[in-house]
Amino acid sequence: MGLGNGNPNSGNKGSNYNYEARSLGLLGKILTALGGSPVVTTRTATAVRTNAAATIPEGKQSVSIYNSGTAKGTIFGLTDLNPGEMVSFTAGDQADVLGQIPYDASPVNCEFLITILT
């Protein structure tokens, strides 16, 4: 959290341990005084196997697409996803979401395993 100030360590605690502990305690008191609590968001995970073409709708937190078949498929209409390859997309912040992700696993012997976190 902070830089050491040159004081010797106290056990396994760094030289700024006391300052950092007081700072975290103060931040906790401020959060409590504001009536807040840590934000906890429950995400729902789903998984699907497909050999079709479709679009994953926008609004997802995270998406992974794994080609478990023996033929290549495509994502975004132009990027090949070869057998055994996987791509993952994650929205940066908790409030961010992904846009649409079109995919095509319809070629013969192509199969995508798609995992989605909403």
PDB file of N, CA and C in Angstrom:
ATOM      1  N   MET A   1       0.819  -1.186   0.000  1.00  0.00           N
ATOM      2  CA  MET A   1       0.000   0.000   0.000  1.00  0.00           C
ATOM      3  C   MET A   1       0.861   1.247   0.000  1.00  0.00           C
ATOM      4  N   GLY A   2       1.850   1.309   0.894  1.00  0.00           N
ATOM      5  CA  GLY A   2       2.737   2.465   0.941  1.00  0.00           C
ATOM      6  C   GLY A   2       4.172   2.026   0.772  1.00  0.00           C
ATOM      7  N   LEU A   3       5.029   2.991   0.616  1.00  0.00           N
ATOM      8  CA  LEU A   3       6.445   2.682   0.498  1.00  0.00           C
ATOM      9  C   LEU A   3       7.076   2.597   1.880  1.00  0.00           C
ATOM     10  N   GLY A   4       8.097   1.783   1.992  1.00  0.00           N
ATOM     11  CA  GLY A   4       8.793   1.681   3.266  1.00  0.00           C
ATOM     12  C   GLY A   4       9.478   2.988   3.622  1.00  0.00           C
ATOM     13  N   ASN A   5       9.529   3.291   4.890  1.00  0.00           N
ATOM     14  CA  ASN A   5      10.151   4.545   5.312  1.00  0.00           C
ATOM     15  C   ASN A   5      11.512   4.326   5.956  1.00  0.00           C
ATOM     16  N   GLY A   6      12.064   3.142   5.790  1.00  0.00           N
ATOM     17  CA  GLY A   6      13.404   2.886   6.300  1.00  0.00           C
ATOM     18  C   GLY A   6      13.430   2.307   7.701  1.00  0.00           C
ATOM     19  N   ASN A   7      12.293   2.251   8.387  1.00  0.00           N
ATOM     20  CA  ASN A   7      12.271   1.652   9.712  1.00  0.00           C
ATOM     21  C   ASN A   7      12.434   0.141   9.581  1.00  0.00           C
ATOM     22  N   PRO A   8      13.031  -0.478  10.551  1.00  0.00           N
ATOM     23  CA  PRO A   8      13.213  -1.927  10.454  1.00  0.00           C
ATOM     24  C   PRO A   8      11.865  -2.657  10.492  1.00  0.00           C
ATOM     25  N   ASN A   9      11.873  -3.858   9.951  1.00  0.00           N
ATOM     26  CA  ASN A   9      10.667  -4.686   9.953  1.00  0.00           C
ATOM     27  C   ASN A   9      10.343  -5.147  11.362  1.00  0.00           C
ATOM     28  N   SER A  10       9.062  -5.436  11.565  1.00  0.00           N
ATOM     29  CA  SER A  10       8.612  -5.971  12.839  1.00  0.00           C
ATOM     30  C   SER A  10       8.055  -7.358  12.562  1.00  0.00           C
ATOM     31  N   GLY A  11       8.850  -8.382  12.787  1.00  0.00           N
ATOM     32  CA  GLY A  11       8.427  -9.736  12.442  1.00  0.00           C
ATOM     33  C   GLY A  11       8.325  -9.859  10.934  1.00  0.00           C
ATOM     34  N   ASN A  12       7.203 -10.394  10.434  1.00  0.00           N
ATOM     35  CA  ASN A  12       6.979 -10.513   8.997  1.00  0.00           C
ATOM     36  C   ASN A  12       6.288  -9.275   8.431  1.00  0.00           C
ATOM     37  N   LYS A  13       6.049  -8.277   9.248  1.00  0.00           N
ATOM     38  CA  LYS A  13       5.339  -7.083   8.817  1.00  0.00           C
ATOM     39  C   LYS A  13       6.336  -6.052   8.318  1.00  0.00           C
ATOM     40  N   GLY A  14       6.000  -5.407   7.186  1.00  0.00           N
ATOM     41  CA  GLY A  14       6.884  -4.392   6.632  1.00  0.00           C
ATOM     42  C   GLY A  14       6.926  -3.161   7.508  1.00  0.00           C
ATOM     43  N   SER A  15       7.792  -2.231   7.155  1.00  0.00           N
ATOM     44  CA  SER A  15       8.002  -1.047   7.978  1.00  0.00           C
ATOM     45  C   SER A  15       6.797  -0.117   8.012  1.00  0.00           C
ATOM     46  N   ASN A  16       5.876  -0.242   7.061  1.00  0.00           N
ATOM     47  CA  ASN A  16       4.690   0.610   7.040  1.00  0.00           C
ATOM     48  C   ASN A  16       3.446  -0.100   7.560  1.00  0.00           C
ATOM     49  N   TYR A  17       3.599  -1.237   8.185  1.00  0.00           N
ATOM     50  CA  TYR A  17       2.445  -2.027   8.627  1.00  0.00           C
ATOM     51  C   TYR A  17       1.494  -1.216   9.494  1.00  0.00           C
ATOM     52  N   ASN A  18       1.998  -0.536  10.502  1.00  0.00           N
ATOM     53  CA  ASN A  18       1.111   0.204  11.414  1.00  0.00           C
ATOM     54  C   ASN A  18       0.339   1.296  10.676  1.00  0.00           C
ATOM     55  N   TYR A  19       1.022   2.028   9.805  1.00  0.00           N
ATOM     56  CA  TYR A  19       0.363   3.083   9.021  1.00  0.00           C
ATOM     57  C   TYR A  19      -0.722   2.484   8.122  1.00  0.00           C
ATOM     58  N   GLU A  20      -0.387   1.394   7.438  1.00  0.00           N
ATOM     59  CA  GLU A  20      -1.346   0.769   6.529  1.00  0.00           C
ATOM     60  C   GLU A  20      -2.539   0.209   7.291  1.00  0.00           C
ATOM     61  N   ALA A  21      -2.320  -0.394   8.435  1.00  0.00           N
ATOM     62  CA  ALA A  21      -3.417  -0.932   9.235  1.00  0.00           C
ATOM     63  C   ALA A  21      -4.356   0.186   9.693  1.00  0.00           C
ATOM     64  N   ARG A  22      -3.794   1.317  10.127  1.00  0.00           N
ATOM     65  CA  ARG A  22      -4.627   2.457  10.536  1.00  0.00           C
ATOM     66  C   ARG A  22      -5.407   3.017   9.349  1.00  0.00           C
ATOM     67  N   SER A  23      -4.763   3.112   8.193  1.00  0.00           N
ATOM     68  CA  SER A  23      -5.420   3.638   6.996  1.00  0.00           C
ATOM     69  C   SER A  23      -6.585   2.754   6.571  1.00  0.00           C
ATOM     70  N   LEU A  24      -6.368   1.442   6.570  1.00  0.00           N
ATOM     71  CA  LEU A  24      -7.452   0.532   6.203  1.00  0.00           C
ATOM     72  C   LEU A  24      -8.589   0.591   7.215  1.00  0.00           C
ATOM     73  N   GLY A  25      -8.256   0.712   8.487  1.00  0.00           N
ATOM     74  CA  GLY A  25      -9.286   0.849   9.519  1.00  0.00           C
ATOM     75  C   GLY A  25     -10.101   2.108   9.318  1.00  0.00           C
ATOM     76  N   LEU A  26      -9.449   3.213   8.995  1.00  0.00           N
ATOM     77  CA  LEU A  26     -10.137   4.474   8.748  1.00  0.00           C
ATOM     78  C   LEU A  26     -11.035   4.368   7.520  1.00  0.00           C
ATOM     79  N   LEU A  27     -10.554   3.744   6.467  1.00  0.00           N
ATOM     80  CA  LEU A  27     -11.379   3.566   5.275  1.00  0.00           C
ATOM     81  C   LEU A  27     -12.625   2.726   5.578  1.00  0.00           C
ATOM     82  N   GLY A  28     -12.469   1.712   6.407  1.00  0.00           N
ATOM     83  CA  GLY A  28     -13.611   0.902   6.822  1.00  0.00           C
ATOM     84  C   GLY A  28     -14.625   1.719   7.600  1.00  0.00           C
ATOM     85  N   LYS A  29     -14.146   2.603   8.482  1.00  0.00           N
ATOM     86  CA  LYS A  29     -15.054   3.468   9.250  1.00  0.00           C
ATOM     87  C   LYS A  29     -15.794   4.439   8.333  1.00  0.00           C
ATOM     88  N   ILE A  30     -15.108   4.978   7.337  1.00  0.00           N
ATOM     89  CA  ILE A  30     -15.753   5.887   6.384  1.00  0.00           C
ATOM     90  C   ILE A  30     -16.840   5.151   5.615  1.00  0.00           C
ATOM     91  N   LEU A  31     -16.558   3.950   5.160  1.00  0.00           N
ATOM     92  CA  LEU A  31     -17.537   3.156   4.428  1.00  0.00           C
ATOM     93  C   LEU A  31     -18.760   2.874   5.288  1.00  0.00           C
ATOM     94  N   THR A  32     -18.541   2.511   6.547  1.00  0.00           N
ATOM     95  CA  THR A  32     -19.640   2.242   7.463  1.00  0.00           C
ATOM     96  C   THR A  32     -20.447   3.506   7.721  1.00  0.00           C
ATOM     97  N   ALA A  33     -19.772   4.648   7.916  1.00  0.00           N
ATOM     98  CA  ALA A  33     -20.466   5.910   8.181  1.00  0.00           C
ATOM     99  C   ALA A  33     -21.330   6.332   6.997  1.00  0.00           C
ATOM    100  N   LEU A  34     -20.907   5.991   5.800  1.00  0.00           N
ATOM    101  CA  LEU A  34     -21.691   6.331   4.612  1.00  0.00           C
ATOM    102  C   LEU A  34     -22.818   5.337   4.359  1.00  0.00           C
ATOM    103  N   GLY A  35     -22.910   4.343   5.220  1.00  0.00           N
ATOM    104  CA  GLY A  35     -23.966   3.343   5.075  1.00  0.00           C
ATOM    105  C   GLY A  35     -23.687   2.362   3.962  1.00  0.00           C
ATOM    106  N   GLY A  36     -22.458   2.284   3.578  1.00  0.00           N
ATOM    107  CA  GLY A  36     -22.104   1.407   2.472  1.00  0.00           C
ATOM    108  C   GLY A  36     -21.632   0.058   2.931  1.00  0.00           C
ATOM    109  N   SER A  37     -21.560  -0.800   1.986  1.00  0.00           N
ATOM    110  CA  SER A  37     -20.986  -2.113   2.213  1.00  0.00           C
ATOM    111  C   SER A  37     -20.341  -2.531   0.902  1.00  0.00           C
ATOM    112  N   PRO A  38     -19.418  -3.435   0.966  1.00  0.00           N
ATOM    113  CA  PRO A  38     -18.778  -3.870  -0.268  1.00  0.00           C
ATOM    114  C   PRO A  38     -19.810  -4.388  -1.268  1.00  0.00           C
ATOM    115  N   VAL A  39     -19.620  -4.041  -2.524  1.00  0.00           N
ATOM    116  CA  VAL A  39     -20.533  -4.477  -3.571  1.00  0.00           C
ATOM    117  C   VAL A  39     -20.173  -5.901  -3.969  1.00  0.00           C
ATOM    118  N   VAL A  40     -21.152  -6.771  -3.889  1.00  0.00           N
ATOM    119  CA  VAL A  40     -20.962  -8.157  -4.289  1.00  0.00           C
ATOM    120  C   VAL A  40     -21.924  -8.429  -5.440  1.00  0.00           C
ATOM    121  N   THR A  41     -21.384  -8.850  -6.555  1.00  0.00           N
ATOM    122  CA  THR A  41     -22.198  -9.161  -7.715  1.00  0.00           C
ATOM    123  C   THR A  41     -22.119 -10.652  -7.982  1.00  0.00           C
ATOM    124  N   THR A  42     -23.262 -11.295  -8.026  1.00  0.00           N
ATOM    125  CA  THR A  42     -23.302 -12.711  -8.337  1.00  0.00           C
ATOM    126  C   THR A  42     -23.413 -12.883  -9.843  1.00  0.00           C
ATOM    127  N   ARG A  43     -22.511 -13.622 -10.425  1.00  0.00           N
ATOM    128  CA  ARG A  43     -22.500 -13.867 -11.864  1.00  0.00           C
ATOM    129  C   ARG A  43     -23.044 -15.268 -12.135  1.00  0.00           C
ATOM    130  N   THR A  44     -23.677 -15.430 -13.286  1.00  0.00           N
ATOM    131  CA  THR A  44     -24.219 -16.721 -13.686  1.00  0.00           C
ATOM    132  C   THR A  44     -23.396 -17.270 -14.838  1.00  0.00           C
ATOM    133  N   ALA A  45     -22.905 -18.479 -14.679  1.00  0.00           N
ATOM    134  CA  ALA A  45     -22.115 -19.128 -15.721  1.00  0.00           C
ATOM    135  C   ALA A  45     -22.984 -20.123 -16.479  1.00  0.00           C
ATOM    136  N   THR A  46     -22.825 -20.138 -17.794  1.00  0.00           N
ATOM    137  CA  THR A  46     -23.505 -21.122 -18.627  1.00  0.00           C
ATOM    138  C   THR A  46     -22.499 -21.687 -19.618  1.00  0.00           C
ATOM    139  N   ALA A  47     -22.766 -22.889 -20.082  1.00  0.00           N
ATOM    140  CA  ALA A  47     -21.913 -23.524 -21.080  1.00  0.00           C
ATOM    141  C   ALA A  47     -22.811 -24.224 -22.092  1.00  0.00           C
ATOM    142  N   VAL A  48     -22.402 -24.169 -23.360  1.00  0.00           N
ATOM    143  CA  VAL A  48     -23.174 -24.806 -24.420  1.00  0.00           C
ATOM    144  C   VAL A  48     -22.231 -25.343 -25.481  1.00  0.00           C
ATOM    145  N   ARG A  49     -22.562 -26.505 -26.022  1.00  0.00           N
ATOM    146  CA  ARG A  49     -21.852 -27.053 -27.174  1.00  0.00           C
ATOM    147  C   ARG A  49     -22.721 -26.796 -28.389  1.00  0.00           C
ATOM    148  N   THR A  50     -22.097 -26.354 -29.466  1.00  0.00           N
ATOM    149  CA  THR A  50     -22.883 -26.054 -30.659  1.00  0.00           C
ATOM    150  C   THR A  50     -22.103 -26.352 -31.927  1.00  0.00           C
ATOM    151  N   ASN A  51     -22.847 -26.689 -32.975  1.00  0.00           N
ATOM    152  CA  ASN A  51     -22.266 -26.812 -34.310  1.00  0.00           C
ATOM    153  C   ASN A  51     -23.144 -26.009 -35.277  1.00  0.00           C
ATOM    154  N   ALA A  52     -23.541 -24.830 -34.818  1.00  0.00           N
ATOM    155  CA  ALA A  52     -24.390 -23.941 -35.602  1.00  0.00           C
ATOM    156  C   ALA A  52     -23.755 -22.555 -35.686  1.00  0.00           C
ATOM    157  N   ALA A  53     -24.356 -21.711 -36.483  1.00  0.00           N
ATOM    158  CA  ALA A  53     -23.950 -20.307 -36.557  1.00  0.00           C
ATOM    159  C   ALA A  53     -24.965 -19.487 -35.767  1.00  0.00           C
ATOM    160  N   ALA A  54     -24.488 -18.558 -34.958  1.00  0.00           N
ATOM    161  CA  ALA A  54     -25.377 -17.729 -34.145  1.00  0.00           C
ATOM    162  C   ALA A  54     -24.581 -16.529 -33.631  1.00  0.00           C
ATOM    163  N   THR A  55     -25.218 -15.754 -32.783  1.00  0.00           N
ATOM    164  CA  THR A  55     -24.572 -14.589 -32.185  1.00  0.00           C
ATOM    165  C   THR A  55     -24.815 -14.600 -30.687  1.00  0.00           C
ATOM    166  N   ILE A  56     -23.749 -14.407 -29.926  1.00  0.00           N
ATOM    167  CA  ILE A  56     -23.885 -14.243 -28.476  1.00  0.00           C
ATOM    168  C   ILE A  56     -24.305 -12.788 -28.271  1.00  0.00           C
ATOM    169  N   PRO A  57     -25.450 -12.556 -27.627  1.00  0.00           N
ATOM    170  CA  PRO A  57     -25.930 -11.175 -27.481  1.00  0.00           C
ATOM    171  C   PRO A  57     -25.033 -10.337 -26.583  1.00  0.00           C
ATOM    172  N   GLU A  58     -25.111  -9.039 -26.763  1.00  0.00           N
ATOM    173  CA  GLU A  58     -24.335  -8.122 -25.925  1.00  0.00           C
ATOM    174  C   GLU A  58     -24.801  -8.215 -24.480  1.00  0.00           C
ATOM    175  N   GLY A  59     -23.978  -7.681 -23.586  1.00  0.00           N
ATOM    176  CA  GLY A  59     -24.353  -7.639 -22.172  1.00  0.00           C
ATOM    177  C   GLY A  59     -23.694  -8.693 -21.309  1.00  0.00           C
ATOM    178  N   LYS A  60     -22.804  -9.484 -21.863  1.00  0.00           N
ATOM    179  CA  LYS A  60     -22.121 -10.530 -21.092  1.00  0.00           C
ATOM    180  C   LYS A  60     -20.856  -9.961 -20.451  1.00  0.00           C
ATOM    181  N   GLN A  61     -20.477 -10.510 -19.323  1.00  0.00           N
ATOM    182  CA  GLN A  61     -19.271 -10.092 -18.614  1.00  0.00           C
ATOM    183  C   GLN A  61     -18.031 -10.764 -19.196  1.00  0.00           C
ATOM    184  N   SER A  62     -18.171 -12.039 -19.576  1.00  0.00           N
ATOM    185  CA  SER A  62     -17.032 -12.809 -20.053  1.00  0.00           C
ATOM    186  C   SER A  62     -17.533 -13.920 -20.970  1.00  0.00           C
ATOM    187  N   VAL A  63     -16.768 -14.194 -22.042  1.00  0.00           N
ATOM    188  CA  VAL A  63     -17.122 -15.255 -22.987  1.00  0.00           C
ATOM    189  C   VAL A  63     -15.842 -15.975 -23.395  1.00  0.00           C
ATOM    190  N   SER A  64     -15.891 -17.308 -23.412  1.00  0.00           N
ATOM    191  CA  SER A  64     -14.795 -18.119 -23.947  1.00  0.00           C
ATOM    192  C   SER A  64     -15.379 -19.059 -24.996  1.00  0.00           C
ATOM    193  N   ILE A  65     -14.659 -19.189 -26.101  1.00  0.00           N
ATOM    194  CA  ILE A  65     -15.088 -20.085 -27.176  1.00  0.00           C
ATOM    195  C   ILE A  65     -13.928 -21.026 -27.465  1.00  0.00           C
ATOM    196  N   TYR A  66     -14.182 -22.327 -27.329  1.00  0.00           N
ATOM    197  CA  TYR A  66     -13.178 -23.357 -27.575  1.00  0.00           C
ATOM    198  C   TYR A  66     -13.649 -24.224 -28.731  1.00  0.00           C
ATOM    199  N   ASN A  67     -12.797 -24.443 -29.717  1.00  0.00           N
ATOM    200  CA  ASN A  67     -13.143 -25.301 -30.836  1.00  0.00           C
ATOM    201  C   ASN A  67     -12.749 -26.729 -30.473  1.00  0.00           C
ATOM    202  N   SER A  68     -13.742 -27.532 -30.114  1.00  0.00           N
ATOM    203  CA  SER A  68     -13.487 -28.918 -29.715  1.00  0.00           C
ATOM    204  C   SER A  68     -13.672 -29.883 -30.880  1.00  0.00           C
ATOM    205  N   GLY A  69     -13.942 -29.354 -32.075  1.00  0.00           N
ATOM    206  CA  GLY A  69     -14.123 -30.196 -33.250  1.00  0.00           C
ATOM    207  C   GLY A  69     -12.809 -30.452 -33.967  1.00  0.00           C
ATOM    208  N   THR A  70     -12.923 -30.987 -35.204  1.00  0.00           N
ATOM    209  CA  THR A  70     -11.738 -31.275 -36.013  1.00  0.00           C
ATOM    210  C   THR A  70     -11.667 -30.397 -37.260  1.00  0.00           C
ATOM    211  N   ALA A  71     -12.617 -29.452 -37.384  1.00  0.00           N
ATOM    212  CA  ALA A  71     -12.604 -28.504 -38.499  1.00  0.00           C
ATOM    213  C   ALA A  71     -12.651 -27.089 -37.936  1.00  0.00           C
ATOM    214  N   LYS A  72     -12.134 -26.133 -38.698  1.00  0.00           N
ATOM    215  CA  LYS A  72     -12.122 -24.762 -38.189  1.00  0.00           C
ATOM    216  C   LYS A  72     -13.481 -24.094 -38.367  1.00  0.00           C
ATOM    217  N   GLY A  73     -13.761 -23.178 -37.433  1.00  0.00           N
ATOM    218  CA  GLY A  73     -14.953 -22.347 -37.495  1.00  0.00           C
ATOM    219  C   GLY A  73     -14.505 -20.899 -37.505  1.00  0.00           C
ATOM    220  N   THR A  74     -15.458 -19.975 -37.393  1.00  0.00           N
ATOM    221  CA  THR A  74     -15.086 -18.566 -37.409  1.00  0.00           C
ATOM    222  C   THR A  74     -15.784 -17.806 -36.289  1.00  0.00           C
ATOM    223  N   ILE A  75     -15.157 -16.718 -35.882  1.00  0.00           N
ATOM    224  CA  ILE A  75     -15.778 -15.759 -34.976  1.00  0.00           C
ATOM    225  C   ILE A  75     -15.672 -14.395 -35.641  1.00  0.00           C
ATOM    226  N   PHE A  76     -16.629 -13.553 -35.401  1.00  0.00           N
ATOM    227  CA  PHE A  76     -16.707 -12.223 -36.008  1.00  0.00           C
ATOM    228  C   PHE A  76     -16.743 -12.282 -37.531  1.00  0.00           C
ATOM    229  N   GLY A  77     -17.116 -13.435 -38.088  1.00  0.00           N
ATOM    230  CA  GLY A  77     -17.270 -13.559 -39.521  1.00  0.00           C
ATOM    231  C   GLY A  77     -15.985 -13.637 -40.319  1.00  0.00           C
ATOM    232  N   LEU A  78     -14.841 -13.500 -39.678  1.00  0.00           N
ATOM    233  CA  LEU A  78     -13.605 -13.509 -40.456  1.00  0.00           C
ATOM    234  C   LEU A  78     -12.420 -14.138 -39.760  1.00  0.00           C
ATOM    235  N   THR A  79     -12.462 -14.313 -38.476  1.00  0.00           N
ATOM    236  CA  THR A  79     -11.319 -14.862 -37.745  1.00  0.00           C
ATOM    237  C   THR A  79     -11.494 -16.368 -37.586  1.00  0.00           C
ATOM    238  N   ASP A  80     -10.540 -17.137 -38.149  1.00  0.00           N
ATOM    239  CA  ASP A  80     -10.606 -18.593 -38.023  1.00  0.00           C
ATOM    240  C   ASP A  80     -10.308 -19.015 -36.595  1.00  0.00           C
ATOM    241  N   LEU A  81     -11.073 -19.963 -36.116  1.00  0.00           N
ATOM    242  CA  LEU A  81     -10.781 -20.605 -34.839  1.00  0.00           C
ATOM    243  C   LEU A  81     -10.499 -22.062 -35.167  1.00  0.00           C
ATOM    244  N   ASN A  82      -9.216 -22.414 -35.150  1.00  0.00           N
ATOM    245  CA  ASN A  82      -8.777 -23.750 -35.535  1.00  0.00           C
ATOM    246  C   ASN A  82      -9.093 -24.766 -34.445  1.00  0.00           C
ATOM    247  N   PRO A  83      -9.156 -26.058 -34.803  1.00  0.00           N
ATOM    248  CA  PRO A  83      -9.389 -27.090 -33.802  1.00  0.00           C
ATOM    249  C   PRO A  83      -8.375 -26.992 -32.657  1.00  0.00           C
ATOM    250  N   GLY A  84      -8.858 -27.056 -31.441  1.00  0.00           N
ATOM    251  CA  GLY A  84      -8.003 -26.984 -30.260  1.00  0.00           C
ATOM    252  C   GLY A  84      -7.702 -25.574 -29.784  1.00  0.00           C
ATOM    253  N   GLU A  85      -8.093 -24.568 -30.540  1.00  0.00           N
ATOM    254  CA  GLU A  85      -7.850 -23.182 -30.129  1.00  0.00           C
ATOM    255  C   GLU A  85      -9.003 -22.670 -29.286  1.00  0.00           C
ATOM    256  N   MET A  86      -8.680 -21.683 -28.444  1.00  0.00           N
ATOM    257  CA  MET A  86      -9.688 -21.040 -27.604  1.00  0.00           C
ATOM    258  C   MET A  86      -9.425 -19.548 -27.584  1.00  0.00           C
ATOM    259  N   VAL A  87     -10.490 -18.775 -27.578  1.00  0.00           N
ATOM    260  CA  VAL A  87     -10.390 -17.336 -27.396  1.00  0.00           C
ATOM    261  C   VAL A  87     -11.281 -16.952 -26.226  1.00  0.00           C
ATOM    262  N   SER A  88     -10.867 -15.933 -25.497  1.00  0.00           N
ATOM    263  CA  SER A  88     -11.631 -15.450 -24.353  1.00  0.00           C
ATOM    264  C   SER A  88     -11.749 -13.939 -24.436  1.00  0.00           C
ATOM    265  N   PHE A  89     -12.901 -13.447 -24.053  1.00  0.00           N
ATOM    266  CA  PHE A  89     -13.162 -12.014 -24.012  1.00  0.00           C
ATOM    267  C   PHE A  89     -13.714 -11.688 -22.643  1.00  0.00           C
ATOM    268  N   THR A  90     -13.155 -10.670 -22.005  1.00  0.00           N
ATOM    269  CA  THR A  90     -13.606 -10.266 -20.680  1.00  0.00           C
ATOM    270  C   THR A  90     -13.785  -8.758 -20.662  1.00  0.00           C
ATOM    271  N   ALA A  91     -14.941  -8.318 -20.168  1.00  0.00           N
ATOM    272  CA  ALA A  91     -15.168  -6.885 -19.993  1.00  0.00           C
ATOM    273  C   ALA A  91     -14.240  -6.413 -18.889  1.00  0.00           C
ATOM    274  N   GLY A  92     -13.640  -5.259 -19.054  1.00  0.00           N
ATOM    275  CA  GLY A  92     -12.618  -4.784 -18.130  1.00  0.00           C
ATOM    276  C   GLY A  92     -13.098  -4.554 -16.718  1.00  0.00           C
ATOM    277  N   ASP A  93     -14.134  -3.781 -16.546  1.00  0.00           N
ATOM    278  CA  ASP A  93     -14.599  -3.383 -15.224  1.00  0.00           C
ATOM    279  C   ASP A  93     -15.879  -4.138 -14.902  1.00  0.00           C
ATOM    280  N   GLN A  94     -16.227  -4.166 -13.642  1.00  0.00           N
ATOM    281  CA  GLN A  94     -17.421  -4.869 -13.215  1.00  0.00           C
ATOM    282  C   GLN A  94     -18.672  -4.291 -13.879  1.00  0.00           C
ATOM    283  N   ALA A  95     -18.666  -3.003 -14.178  1.00  0.00           N
ATOM    284  CA  ALA A  95     -19.821  -2.369 -14.804  1.00  0.00           C
ATOM    285  C   ALA A  95     -19.789  -2.487 -16.321  1.00  0.00           C
ATOM    286  N   ASP A  96     -18.661  -2.893 -16.900  1.00  0.00           N
ATOM    287  CA  ASP A  96     -18.541  -3.015 -18.349  1.00  0.00           C
ATOM    288  C   ASP A  96     -19.140  -4.333 -18.827  1.00  0.00           C
ATOM    289  N   VAL A  97     -19.598  -4.349 -20.077  1.00  0.00           N
ATOM    290  CA  VAL A  97     -20.114  -5.577 -20.683  1.00  0.00           C
ATOM    291  C   VAL A  97     -19.589  -5.668 -22.115  1.00  0.00           C
ATOM    292  N   LEU A  98     -19.652  -6.861 -22.664  1.00  0.00           N
ATOM    293  CA  LEU A  98     -19.198  -7.110 -24.024  1.00  0.00           C
ATOM    294  C   LEU A  98     -20.311  -6.813 -25.024  1.00  0.00           C
ATOM    295  N   GLY A  99     -19.909  -6.482 -26.250  1.00  0.00           N
ATOM    296  CA  GLY A  99     -20.860  -6.346 -27.351  1.00  0.00           C
ATOM    297  C   GLY A  99     -21.182  -7.720 -27.917  1.00  0.00           C
ATOM    298  N   GLN A 100     -21.924  -7.743 -29.009  1.00  0.00           N
ATOM    299  CA  GLN A 100     -22.289  -9.004 -29.657  1.00  0.00           C
ATOM    300  C   GLN A 100     -21.051  -9.736 -30.176  1.00  0.00           C
ATOM    301  N   ILE A 101     -21.114 -11.066 -30.149  1.00  0.00           N
ATOM    302  CA  ILE A 101     -20.031 -11.884 -30.675  1.00  0.00           C
ATOM    303  C   ILE A 101     -20.631 -12.910 -31.631  1.00  0.00           C
ATOM    304  N   PRO A 102     -20.564 -12.652 -32.940  1.00  0.00           N
ATOM    305  CA  PRO A 102     -21.064 -13.641 -33.899  1.00  0.00           C
ATOM    306  C   PRO A 102     -20.051 -14.773 -34.079  1.00  0.00           C
ATOM    307  N   TYR A 103     -20.573 -15.982 -34.261  1.00  0.00           N
ATOM    308  CA  TYR A 103     -19.699 -17.138 -34.475  1.00  0.00           C
ATOM    309  C   TYR A 103     -20.354 -18.090 -35.459  1.00  0.00           C
ATOM    310  N   ASP A 104     -19.523 -18.940 -36.053  1.00  0.00           N
ATOM    311  CA  ASP A 104     -20.027 -19.941 -36.994  1.00  0.00           C
ATOM    312  C   ASP A 104     -19.292 -21.251 -36.762  1.00  0.00           C
ATOM    313  N   ALA A 105     -19.992 -22.196 -36.172  1.00  0.00           N
ATOM    314  CA  ALA A 105     -19.445 -23.532 -35.937  1.00  0.00           C
ATOM    315  C   ALA A 105     -20.178 -24.547 -36.813  1.00  0.00           C
ATOM    316  N   SER A 106     -20.756 -24.076 -37.944  1.00  0.00           N
ATOM    317  CA  SER A 106     -21.565 -24.952 -38.786  1.00  0.00           C
ATOM    318  C   SER A 106     -20.793 -25.830 -39.770  1.00  0.00           C
ATOM    319  N   PRO A 107     -19.505 -25.557 -40.061  1.00  0.00           N
ATOM    320  CA  PRO A 107     -18.818 -26.477 -40.969  1.00  0.00           C
ATOM    321  C   PRO A 107     -18.822 -27.909 -40.416  1.00  0.00           C
ATOM    322  N   VAL A 108     -18.840 -28.871 -41.326  1.00  0.00           N
ATOM    323  CA  VAL A 108     -18.839 -30.281 -40.931  1.00  0.00           C
ATOM    324  C   VAL A 108     -17.646 -30.547 -40.016  1.00  0.00           C
ATOM    325  N   ASN A 109     -17.871 -31.260 -38.928  1.00  0.00           N
ATOM    326  CA  ASN A 109     -16.860 -31.645 -37.939  1.00  0.00           C
ATOM    327  C   ASN A 109     -16.348 -30.482 -37.086  1.00  0.00           C
ATOM    328  N   CYS A 110     -17.032 -29.356 -37.093  1.00  0.00           N
ATOM    329  CA  CYS A 110     -16.672 -28.248 -36.215  1.00  0.00           C
ATOM    330  C   CYS A 110     -17.641 -28.234 -35.036  1.00  0.00           C
ATOM    331  N   GLU A 111     -17.118 -27.993 -33.851  1.00  0.00           N
ATOM    332  CA  GLU A 111     -17.966 -27.896 -32.660  1.00  0.00           C
ATOM    333  C   GLU A 111     -17.319 -26.896 -31.711  1.00  0.00           C
ATOM    334  N   PHE A 112     -18.118 -25.943 -31.245  1.00  0.00           N
ATOM    335  CA  PHE A 112     -17.637 -24.965 -30.286  1.00  0.00           C
ATOM    336  C   PHE A 112     -18.218 -25.277 -28.911  1.00  0.00           C
ATOM    337  N   LEU A 113     -17.372 -25.174 -27.911  1.00  0.00           N
ATOM    338  CA  LEU A 113     -17.810 -25.184 -26.516  1.00  0.00           C
ATOM    339  C   LEU A 113     -17.710 -23.738 -26.061  1.00  0.00           C
ATOM    340  N   ILE A 114     -18.855 -23.168 -25.740  1.00  0.00           N
ATOM    341  CA  ILE A 114     -18.918 -21.741 -25.378  1.00  0.00           C
ATOM    342  C   ILE A 114     -19.304 -21.618 -23.916  1.00  0.00           C
ATOM    343  N   THR A 115     -18.502 -20.886 -23.159  1.00  0.00           N
ATOM    344  CA  THR A 115     -18.837 -20.592 -21.764  1.00  0.00           C
ATOM    345  C   THR A 115     -19.060 -19.101 -21.645  1.00  0.00           C
ATOM    346  N   ILE A 116     -20.114 -18.756 -20.905  1.00  0.00           N
ATOM    347  CA  ILE A 116     -20.539 -17.364 -20.789  1.00  0.00           C
ATOM    348  C   ILE A 116     -20.746 -17.020 -19.322  1.00  0.00           C
ATOM    349  N   LEU A 117     -20.287 -15.859 -18.933  1.00  0.00           N
ATOM    350  CA  LEU A 117     -20.491 -15.341 -17.582  1.00  0.00           C
ATOM    351  C   LEU A 117     -21.297 -14.068 -17.710  1.00  0.00           C
ATOM    352  N   THR A 118     -22.485 -14.047 -17.093  1.00  0.00           N
ATOM    353  CA  THR A 118     -23.340 -12.858 -17.163  1.00  0.00           C
ATOM    354  C   THR A 118     -23.424 -12.187 -15.813  1.00  0.00           C
TER     355      THR A 118
END
